[in-house]
C-alpha atoms as a PDB file:
ATOM      1  CA  MET A   1     -35.799 -21.361 -70.417  1.00  0.00           C
ATOM      2  CA  PRO A   2     -31.912 -19.877 -70.779  1.00  0.00           C
ATOM      3  CA  LYS A   3     -29.105 -23.065 -71.194  1.00  0.00           C
ATOM      4  CA  THR A   4     -27.674 -22.595 -67.859  1.00  0.00           C
ATOM      5  CA  GLU A   5     -30.938 -23.014 -65.817  1.00  0.00           C
ATOM      6  CA  ILE A   6     -31.326 -26.257 -67.964  1.00  0.00           C
ATOM      7  CA  LEU A   7     -28.124 -27.670 -66.948  1.00  0.00           C
ATOM      8  CA  VAL A   8     -29.147 -26.791 -63.587  1.00  0.00           C
ATOM      9  CA  GLN A   9     -32.320 -28.544 -63.750  1.00  0.00           C
ATOM     10  CA  ARG A  10     -30.208 -31.705 -65.230  1.00  0.00           C
ATOM     11  CA  ILE A  11     -27.869 -31.586 -62.417  1.00  0.00           C
ATOM     12  CA  ARG A  12     -30.481 -31.590 -59.756  1.00  0.00           C
ATOM     13  CA  ASP A  13     -32.345 -34.284 -61.227  1.00  0.00           C
ATOM     14  CA  THR A  14     -29.067 -36.261 -61.691  1.00  0.00           C
ATOM     15  CA  ILE A  15     -28.391 -35.921 -57.650  1.00  0.00           C
ATOM     16  CA  ALA A  16     -32.409 -36.954 -57.333  1.00  0.00           C
ATOM     17  CA  SER A  17     -32.140 -39.887 -59.680  1.00  0.00           C
ATOM     18  CA  GLU A  18     -28.947 -41.441 -58.185  1.00  0.00           C
ATOM     19  CA  GLY A  19     -29.503 -40.919 -54.829  1.00  0.00           C
ATOM     20  CA  TYR A  20     -27.193 -38.800 -53.167  1.00  0.00           C
ATOM     21  CA  ALA A  21     -28.090 -37.164 -49.811  1.00  0.00           C
ATOM     22  CA  HIS A  22     -26.925 -34.313 -47.742  1.00  0.00           C
ATOM     23  CA  ASN A  23     -22.884 -33.847 -47.792  1.00  0.00           C
ATOM     24  CA  ASP A  24     -22.646 -36.535 -50.716  1.00  0.00           C
ATOM     25  CA  ARG A  25     -19.590 -35.475 -53.111  1.00  0.00           C
ATOM     26  CA  LEU A  26     -20.407 -35.618 -56.459  1.00  0.00           C
ATOM     27  CA  PRO A  27     -18.185 -36.715 -58.796  1.00  0.00           C
ATOM     28  CA  PRO A  28     -15.186 -35.117 -60.452  1.00  0.00           C
ATOM     29  CA  GLU A  29     -15.776 -32.297 -63.058  1.00  0.00           C
ATOM     30  CA  ARG A  30     -13.914 -33.702 -65.676  1.00  0.00           C
ATOM     31  CA  GLU A  31     -16.854 -36.868 -65.144  1.00  0.00           C
ATOM     32  CA  MET A  32     -19.824 -34.795 -64.502  1.00  0.00           C
ATOM     33  CA  CYS A  33     -18.965 -32.860 -67.747  1.00  0.00           C
ATOM     34  CA  THR A  34     -18.658 -35.831 -70.041  1.00  0.00           C
ATOM     35  CA  LYS A  35     -21.946 -37.116 -68.312  1.00  0.00           C
ATOM     36  CA  LEU A  36     -23.822 -34.011 -69.115  1.00  0.00           C
ATOM     37  CA  ASN A  37     -21.888 -33.652 -72.675  1.00  0.00           C
ATOM     38  CA  VAL A  38     -21.046 -29.881 -71.442  1.00  0.00           C
ATOM     39  CA  THR A  39     -17.885 -28.046 -71.436  1.00  0.00           C
ATOM     40  CA  ARG A  40     -16.512 -27.273 -68.226  1.00  0.00           C
ATOM     41  CA  ASN A  41     -17.008 -23.436 -68.329  1.00  0.00           C
ATOM     42  CA  GLN A  42     -20.720 -24.451 -68.482  1.00  0.00           C
ATOM     43  CA  LEU A  43     -20.609 -26.581 -65.674  1.00  0.00           C
ATOM     44  CA  ARG A  44     -19.249 -24.402 -63.395  1.00  0.00           C
ATOM     45  CA  GLY A  45     -21.864 -21.546 -64.309  1.00  0.00           C
ATOM     46  CA  ALA A  46     -24.360 -23.907 -63.308  1.00  0.00           C
ATOM     47  CA  LEU A  47     -23.100 -25.306 -59.691  1.00  0.00           C
ATOM     48  CA  ALA A  48     -22.279 -21.793 -59.197  1.00  0.00           C
ATOM     49  CA  ARG A  49     -26.079 -21.181 -59.296  1.00  0.00           C
ATOM     50  CA  LEU A  50     -26.735 -24.293 -57.488  1.00  0.00           C
ATOM     51  CA  GLU A  51     -24.529 -23.143 -54.921  1.00  0.00           C
ATOM     52  CA  SER A  52     -26.069 -19.758 -54.510  1.00  0.00           C
ATOM     53  CA  ARG A  53     -29.154 -21.538 -53.670  1.00  0.00           C
ATOM     54  CA  GLY A  54     -27.442 -23.890 -51.092  1.00  0.00           C
ATOM     55  CA  LEU A  55     -28.263 -26.756 -52.538  1.00  0.00           C
ATOM     56  CA  ILE A  56     -24.441 -27.868 -53.312  1.00  0.00           C
ATOM     57  CA  TRP A  57     -21.113 -26.579 -51.604  1.00  0.00           C
ATOM     58  CA  ARG A  58     -17.556 -26.638 -52.969  1.00  0.00           C
ATOM     59  CA  HIS A  59     -14.331 -27.198 -51.269  1.00  0.00           C
ATOM     60  CA  VAL A  60     -11.143 -26.562 -53.189  1.00  0.00           C
ATOM     61  CA  GLY A  61      -9.024 -29.779 -53.189  1.00  0.00           C
ATOM     62  CA  ARG A  62     -12.062 -31.743 -51.568  1.00  0.00           C
ATOM     63  CA  GLY A  63     -14.641 -31.353 -54.408  1.00  0.00           C
ATOM     64  CA  THR A  64     -18.421 -30.632 -54.880  1.00  0.00           C
ATOM     65  CA  PHE A  65     -21.055 -31.711 -51.883  1.00  0.00           C
ATOM     66  CA  VAL A  66     -24.906 -31.674 -51.882  1.00  0.00           C
ATOM     67  CA  GLY A  67     -26.713 -29.698 -49.658  1.00  0.00           C
ATOM     68  CA  GLU A  68     -25.686 -26.091 -47.594  1.00  0.00           C
ATOM     69  CA  ARG A  69     -21.823 -25.602 -46.268  1.00  0.00           C
ATOM     70  CA  PRO A  70     -22.372 -27.523 -43.130  1.00  0.00           C
ATOM     71  CA  VAL A  71     -21.363 -26.302 -39.676  1.00  0.00           C
ATOM     72  CA  LEU A  72     -21.650 -29.559 -38.434  1.00  0.00           C
ATOM     73  CA  ASN A  73     -18.919 -31.234 -36.444  1.00  0.00           C
ATOM     74  CA  LEU A  74     -19.245 -34.590 -38.113  1.00  0.00           C
ATOM     75  CA  ASP A  75     -17.693 -35.939 -34.972  1.00  0.00           C
ATOM     76  CA  ASP A  76     -20.303 -34.982 -33.290  1.00  0.00           C
ATOM     77  CA  VAL A  77     -22.849 -36.578 -35.996  1.00  0.00           C
ATOM     78  CA  LEU A  78     -21.015 -39.615 -35.376  1.00  0.00           C
ATOM     79  CA  TYR A  79     -21.218 -39.888 -31.574  1.00  0.00           C
ATOM     80  CA  LEU A  80     -24.938 -39.280 -31.941  1.00  0.00           C
ATOM     81  CA  ARG A  81     -25.971 -41.867 -34.263  1.00  0.00           C
ATOM     82  CA  ASP A  82     -24.200 -44.527 -31.654  1.00  0.00           C
ATOM     83  CA  GLN A  83     -26.072 -42.791 -28.948  1.00  0.00           C
ATOM     84  CA  VAL A  84     -29.943 -42.318 -30.174  1.00  0.00           C
ATOM     85  CA  THR A  85     -32.413 -44.783 -31.154  1.00  0.00           C
ATOM     86  CA  PRO A  86     -35.046 -44.026 -34.036  1.00  0.00           C
ATOM     87  CA  PRO A  87     -37.974 -43.198 -31.513  1.00  0.00           C
ATOM     88  CA  HIS A  88     -35.634 -40.827 -30.360  1.00  0.00           C
ATOM     89  CA  VAL A  89     -35.153 -39.005 -33.485  1.00  0.00           C
ATOM     90  CA  ALA A  90     -38.889 -39.379 -34.465  1.00  0.00           C
ATOM     91  CA  SER A  91     -39.649 -37.583 -30.627  1.00  0.00           C
ATOM     92  CA  VAL A  92     -37.164 -34.432 -31.319  1.00  0.00           C
ATOM     93  CA  ARG A  93     -38.714 -34.293 -35.068  1.00  0.00           C
ATOM     94  CA  LEU A  94     -41.387 -33.647 -33.442  1.00  0.00           C
ATOM     95  CA  VAL A  95     -40.847 -30.703 -31.782  1.00  0.00           C
ATOM     96  CA  ILE A  96     -38.012 -29.174 -33.930  1.00  0.00           C
ATOM     97  CA  GLU A  97     -40.383 -29.424 -37.912  1.00  0.00           C
ATOM     98  CA  PRO A  98     -43.812 -28.162 -36.995  1.00  0.00           C
ATOM     99  CA  GLU A  99     -42.200 -24.616 -35.594  1.00  0.00           C
ATOM    100  CA  LEU A 100     -40.097 -25.111 -38.769  1.00  0.00           C
ATOM    101  CA  ALA A 101     -42.537 -24.980 -40.708  1.00  0.00           C
ATOM    102  CA  ARG A 102     -44.539 -21.992 -38.841  1.00  0.00           C
ATOM    103  CA  LEU A 103     -41.171 -19.989 -39.616  1.00  0.00           C
ATOM    104  CA  ALA A 104     -41.300 -20.955 -43.352  1.00  0.00           C
ATOM    105  CA  ALA A 105     -44.845 -19.582 -43.381  1.00  0.00           C
ATOM    106  CA  MET A 106     -43.809 -16.048 -42.228  1.00  0.00           C
ATOM    107  CA  HIS A 107     -40.170 -15.560 -43.696  1.00  0.00           C
ATOM    108  CA  SER A 108     -40.202 -17.988 -47.074  1.00  0.00           C
ATOM    109  CA  THR A 109     -40.044 -16.072 -50.179  1.00  0.00           C
ATOM    110  CA  PRO A 110     -41.395 -17.021 -53.447  1.00  0.00           C
ATOM    111  CA  ALA A 111     -38.312 -18.282 -54.941  1.00  0.00           C
ATOM    112  CA  ASP A 112     -38.508 -21.120 -51.494  1.00  0.00           C
ATOM    113  CA  ARG A 113     -41.983 -21.653 -51.754  1.00  0.00           C
ATOM    114  CA  GLU A 114     -41.380 -22.612 -55.743  1.00  0.00           C
ATOM    115  CA  GLU A 115     -38.387 -25.032 -54.358  1.00  0.00           C
ATOM    116  CA  ILE A 116     -41.227 -26.778 -51.739  1.00  0.00           C
ATOM    117  CA  HIS A 117     -43.732 -26.996 -54.336  1.00  0.00           C
ATOM    118  CA  ALA A 118     -41.225 -28.494 -56.768  1.00  0.00           C
ATOM    119  CA  CYS A 119     -39.515 -31.166 -53.922  1.00  0.00           C
ATOM    120  CA  ALA A 120     -43.407 -31.867 -53.397  1.00  0.00           C
ATOM    121  CA  SER A 121     -43.918 -32.530 -57.519  1.00  0.00           C
ATOM    122  CA  ARG A 122     -41.150 -34.753 -57.577  1.00  0.00           C
ATOM    123  CA  CYS A 123     -41.991 -36.782 -54.699  1.00  0.00           C
ATOM    124  CA  ARG A 124     -45.136 -37.959 -56.365  1.00  0.00           C
ATOM    125  CA  GLU A 125     -43.313 -38.298 -59.979  1.00  0.00           C
ATOM    126  CA  ALA A 126     -40.975 -40.716 -58.085  1.00  0.00           C
ATOM    127  CA  PRO A 127     -40.001 -43.529 -60.132  1.00  0.00           C
ATOM    128  CA  ASP A 128     -38.816 -46.030 -56.971  1.00  0.00           C
ATOM    129  CA  TRP A 129     -39.040 -45.718 -53.255  1.00  0.00           C
ATOM    130  CA  ARG A 130     -34.919 -44.500 -52.887  1.00  0.00           C
ATOM    131  CA  SER A 131     -36.017 -41.413 -55.451  1.00  0.00           C
ATOM    132  CA  TYR A 132     -39.251 -40.600 -53.440  1.00  0.00           C
ATOM    133  CA  GLU A 133     -36.674 -40.543 -50.194  1.00  0.00           C
ATOM    134  CA  ALA A 134     -34.725 -38.530 -51.594  1.00  0.00           C
ATOM    135  CA  TRP A 135     -37.018 -35.724 -52.894  1.00  0.00           C
ATOM    136  CA  ASP A 136     -39.108 -36.187 -49.435  1.00  0.00           C
ATOM    137  CA  ASN A 137     -35.405 -35.159 -47.614  1.00  0.00           C
ATOM    138  CA  LYS A 138     -35.367 -32.327 -49.925  1.00  0.00           C
ATOM    139  CA  PHE A 139     -39.003 -31.023 -49.266  1.00  0.00           C
ATOM    140  CA  HIS A 140     -38.125 -30.968 -45.563  1.00  0.00           C
ATOM    141  CA  HIS A 141     -34.661 -29.657 -45.999  1.00  0.00           C
ATOM    142  CA  ALA A 142     -36.375 -26.861 -48.213  1.00  0.00           C
ATOM    143  CA  ILE A 143     -38.467 -25.873 -45.644  1.00  0.00           C
ATOM    144  CA  ALA A 144     -36.039 -25.654 -43.062  1.00  0.00           C
ATOM    145  CA  ARG A 145     -33.940 -23.382 -45.067  1.00  0.00           C
ATOM    146  CA  SER A 146     -37.029 -21.482 -45.855  1.00  0.00           C
ATOM    147  CA  ALA A 147     -37.513 -20.918 -42.328  1.00  0.00           C
ATOM    148  CA  LYS A 148     -34.644 -18.152 -42.491  1.00  0.00           C
ATOM    149  CA  ASN A 149     -33.526 -18.651 -38.624  1.00  0.00           C
ATOM    150  CA  LYS A 150     -29.826 -20.605 -39.089  1.00  0.00           C
ATOM    151  CA  LEU A 151     -29.729 -22.031 -35.424  1.00  0.00           C
ATOM    152  CA  PHE A 152     -33.048 -23.781 -36.140  1.00  0.00           C
ATOM    153  CA  LEU A 153     -31.113 -25.167 -39.147  1.00  0.00           C
ATOM    154  CA  TYR A 154     -28.219 -25.983 -37.728  1.00  0.00           C
ATOM    155  CA  TYR A 155     -30.255 -28.362 -35.514  1.00  0.00           C
ATOM    156  CA  PHE A 156     -32.634 -29.695 -38.809  1.00  0.00           C
ATOM    157  CA  GLU A 157     -29.357 -30.572 -40.262  1.00  0.00           C
ATOM    158  CA  THR A 158     -27.428 -32.225 -36.958  1.00  0.00           C
ATOM    159  CA  LEU A 159     -31.154 -34.183 -36.890  1.00  0.00           C
ATOM    160  CA  ASN A 160     -31.032 -35.039 -40.419  1.00  0.00           C
ATOM    161  CA  VAL A 161     -27.773 -36.072 -40.797  1.00  0.00           C
ATOM    162  CA  VAL A 162     -28.291 -38.114 -38.012  1.00  0.00           C
ATOM    163  CA  ARG A 163     -31.176 -39.548 -39.362  1.00  0.00           C
ATOM    164  CA  ARG A 164     -29.991 -40.597 -42.677  1.00  0.00           C
ATOM    165  CA  SER A 165     -27.167 -42.433 -40.911  1.00  0.00           C
ATOM    166  CA  MET A 166     -29.541 -44.655 -39.298  1.00  0.00           C
ATOM    167  CA  VAL A 167     -30.949 -48.088 -40.449  1.00  0.00           C
ATOM    168  CA  TRP A 168     -35.113 -47.729 -39.921  1.00  0.00           C
ATOM    169  CA  GLY A 169     -36.036 -51.231 -41.622  1.00  0.00           C
ATOM    170  CA  GLN A 170     -39.354 -49.816 -42.941  1.00  0.00           C
ATOM    171  CA  PRO A 171     -40.673 -52.817 -45.020  1.00  0.00           C
ATOM    172  CA  ARG A 172     -41.830 -51.773 -48.798  1.00  0.00           C
ATOM    173  CA  LYS A 173     -44.581 -54.068 -50.379  1.00  0.00           C
ATOM    174  CA  THR A 174     -44.140 -52.334 -53.633  1.00  0.00           C
ATOM    175  CA  SER A 175     -42.103 -50.804 -55.931  1.00  0.00           C
ATOM    176  CA  LYS A 176     -42.658 -46.933 -55.164  1.00  0.00           C
ATOM    177  CA  PRO A 177     -45.557 -45.037 -53.406  1.00  0.00           C
ATOM    178  CA  ASP A 178     -48.673 -45.906 -54.560  1.00  0.00           C
ATOM    179  CA  LYS A 179     -50.450 -42.983 -56.500  1.00  0.00           C
ATOM    180  CA  ASN A 180     -52.961 -42.236 -53.377  1.00  0.00           C
ATOM    181  CA  TYR A 181     -49.622 -42.368 -51.037  1.00  0.00           C
ATOM    182  CA  SER A 182     -50.820 -40.560 -47.670  1.00  0.00           C
ATOM    183  CA  SER A 183     -48.165 -38.196 -47.580  1.00  0.00           C
ATOM    184  CA  PHE A 184     -48.334 -36.766 -50.640  1.00  0.00           C
ATOM    185  CA  LEU A 185     -51.651 -35.068 -49.844  1.00  0.00           C
ATOM    186  CA  GLU A 186     -50.154 -34.306 -46.640  1.00  0.00           C
ATOM    187  CA  HIS A 187     -46.826 -32.670 -48.099  1.00  0.00           C
ATOM    188  CA  ASP A 188     -49.656 -30.369 -50.584  1.00  0.00           C
ATOM    189  CA  GLN A 189     -51.253 -29.339 -47.077  1.00  0.00           C
ATOM    190  CA  ILE A 190     -47.910 -27.860 -45.580  1.00  0.00           C
ATOM    191  CA  LYS A 191     -47.150 -26.585 -48.981  1.00  0.00           C
ATOM    192  CA  GLN A 192     -50.874 -25.047 -49.193  1.00  0.00           C
ATOM    193  CA  ALA A 193     -50.582 -23.513 -45.648  1.00  0.00           C
ATOM    194  CA  ILE A 194     -46.783 -22.104 -46.171  1.00  0.00           C
ATOM    195  CA  GLU A 195     -47.958 -20.319 -49.605  1.00  0.00           C
ATOM    196  CA  GLY A 196     -51.142 -19.145 -47.765  1.00  0.00           C
ATOM    197  CA  LYS A 197     -48.627 -17.785 -45.098  1.00  0.00           C
ATOM    198  CA  ASP A 198     -51.423 -19.359 -42.438  1.00  0.00           C
ATOM    199  CA  ARG A 199     -48.089 -20.402 -39.597  1.00  0.00           C
ATOM    200  CA  ASP A 200     -50.711 -22.109 -37.260  1.00  0.00           C
ATOM    201  CA  PHE A 201     -52.064 -23.793 -39.992  1.00  0.00           C
ATOM    202  CA  ALA A 202     -48.127 -25.524 -41.300  1.00  0.00           C
ATOM    203  CA  ALA A 203     -47.475 -26.084 -37.792  1.00  0.00           C
ATOM    204  CA  HIS A 204     -50.275 -28.109 -37.555  1.00  0.00           C
ATOM    205  CA  CYS A 205     -50.173 -29.538 -41.163  1.00  0.00           C
ATOM    206  CA  MET A 206     -46.259 -30.819 -40.804  1.00  0.00           C
ATOM    207  CA  LYS A 207     -47.074 -32.152 -37.096  1.00  0.00           C
ATOM    208  CA  GLN A 208     -50.134 -34.511 -38.685  1.00  0.00           C
ATOM    209  CA  HIS A 209     -47.395 -35.681 -41.304  1.00  0.00           C
ATOM    210  CA  LEU A 210     -45.241 -36.741 -38.950  1.00  0.00           C
ATOM    211  CA  HIS A 211     -47.599 -38.775 -36.547  1.00  0.00           C
ATOM    212  CA  SER A 212     -48.749 -40.224 -40.197  1.00  0.00           C
ATOM    213  CA  VAL A 213     -44.670 -40.956 -41.008  1.00  0.00           C
ATOM    214  CA  TYR A 214     -44.316 -42.552 -37.399  1.00  0.00           C
ATOM    215  CA  GLY A 215     -47.501 -43.843 -37.125  1.00  0.00           C
ATOM    216  CA  ARG A 216     -46.610 -46.385 -40.313  1.00  0.00           C
ATOM    217  CA  ILE A 217     -42.701 -46.486 -38.990  1.00  0.00           C
ATOM    218  CA  LEU A 218     -43.047 -47.109 -35.074  1.00  0.00           C
ATOM    219  CA  PRO A 219     -45.355 -50.386 -34.558  1.00  0.00           C
ATOM    220  CA  SER A 220     -42.186 -52.141 -36.609  1.00  0.00           C
ATOM    221  CA  MET A 221     -39.622 -51.464 -34.158  1.00  0.00           C
ATOM    222  CA  ASP A 222     -38.841 -52.747 -30.508  1.00  0.00           C
ATOM    223  CA  GLU A 223     -40.441 -51.764 -27.293  1.00  0.00           C
ATOM    224  CA  THR A 224     -38.622 -48.236 -27.082  1.00  0.00           C
ATOM    225  CA  ALA A 225     -41.146 -47.098 -29.223  1.00  0.00           C
ATOM    226  CA  GLY A 226     -44.040 -46.847 -26.387  1.00  0.00           C
ATOM    227  CA  ASP A 227     -42.411 -43.715 -25.426  1.00  0.00           C
ATOM    228  CA  VAL A 228     -42.744 -41.600 -28.844  1.00  0.00           C
ATOM    229  CA  ARG A 229     -46.266 -43.203 -30.023  1.00  0.00           C
ATOM    230  CA  ALA A 230     -47.068 -41.738 -25.874  1.00  0.00           C
ATOM    231  CA  THR A 231     -44.975 -38.229 -27.016  1.00  0.00           C
ATOM    232  CA  ILE A 232     -47.232 -38.338 -30.479  1.00  0.00           C
ATOM    233  CA  LYS A 233     -51.021 -39.409 -28.434  1.00  0.00           C
ATOM    234  CA  ASP A 234     -50.093 -36.180 -26.221  1.00  0.00           C
ATOM    235  CA  SER A 235     -48.793 -33.706 -28.954  1.00  0.00           C
END
């Protein structure tokens, strides 16, 4: 593997292991050079590749941030966070993400599918829940990007930022996902459907995955969760 690609992977590993979320700012270049033991030119070359793949964005005078350059109005996101509940988020995900999986099966490139596969693999290898959740978020975001629909991506990213800004209160009884954690198989089914260009099955697998996720989370929430459980049952 070329040296620049090795450095690209090291930066991605750092982002995942240290729990950076979408739109989080990375450390200054000087600090990253010291941490990674590379020159400024080497670092900038790797960052340029990451930016070209939509994995980071840079703003002169502000720094380097995780994810694609946002088109979001962050004031609107903060407003939405204060107006919605976790069940609202769940019900919207059940509408948007299966369609994104369908579109990804139709329009994803080999590079897109490689990224989805890598994220699913990293979920299985996660040493703790924080790392798992970071890679799980990247898995869903990779599928959204693969749909090749900027308007859908805008809505997904708005929803994702709101979702990650909320406190879900999901209890964890282990330090990391069990090796037989149900989401691993569900991720594999989604990935395989997208790779096989089976758009209807991709949408079905994504819907079943979200049913599984919120079936675990919603029972611990307040009575407003019932509305979403009804949505899940009827969909």
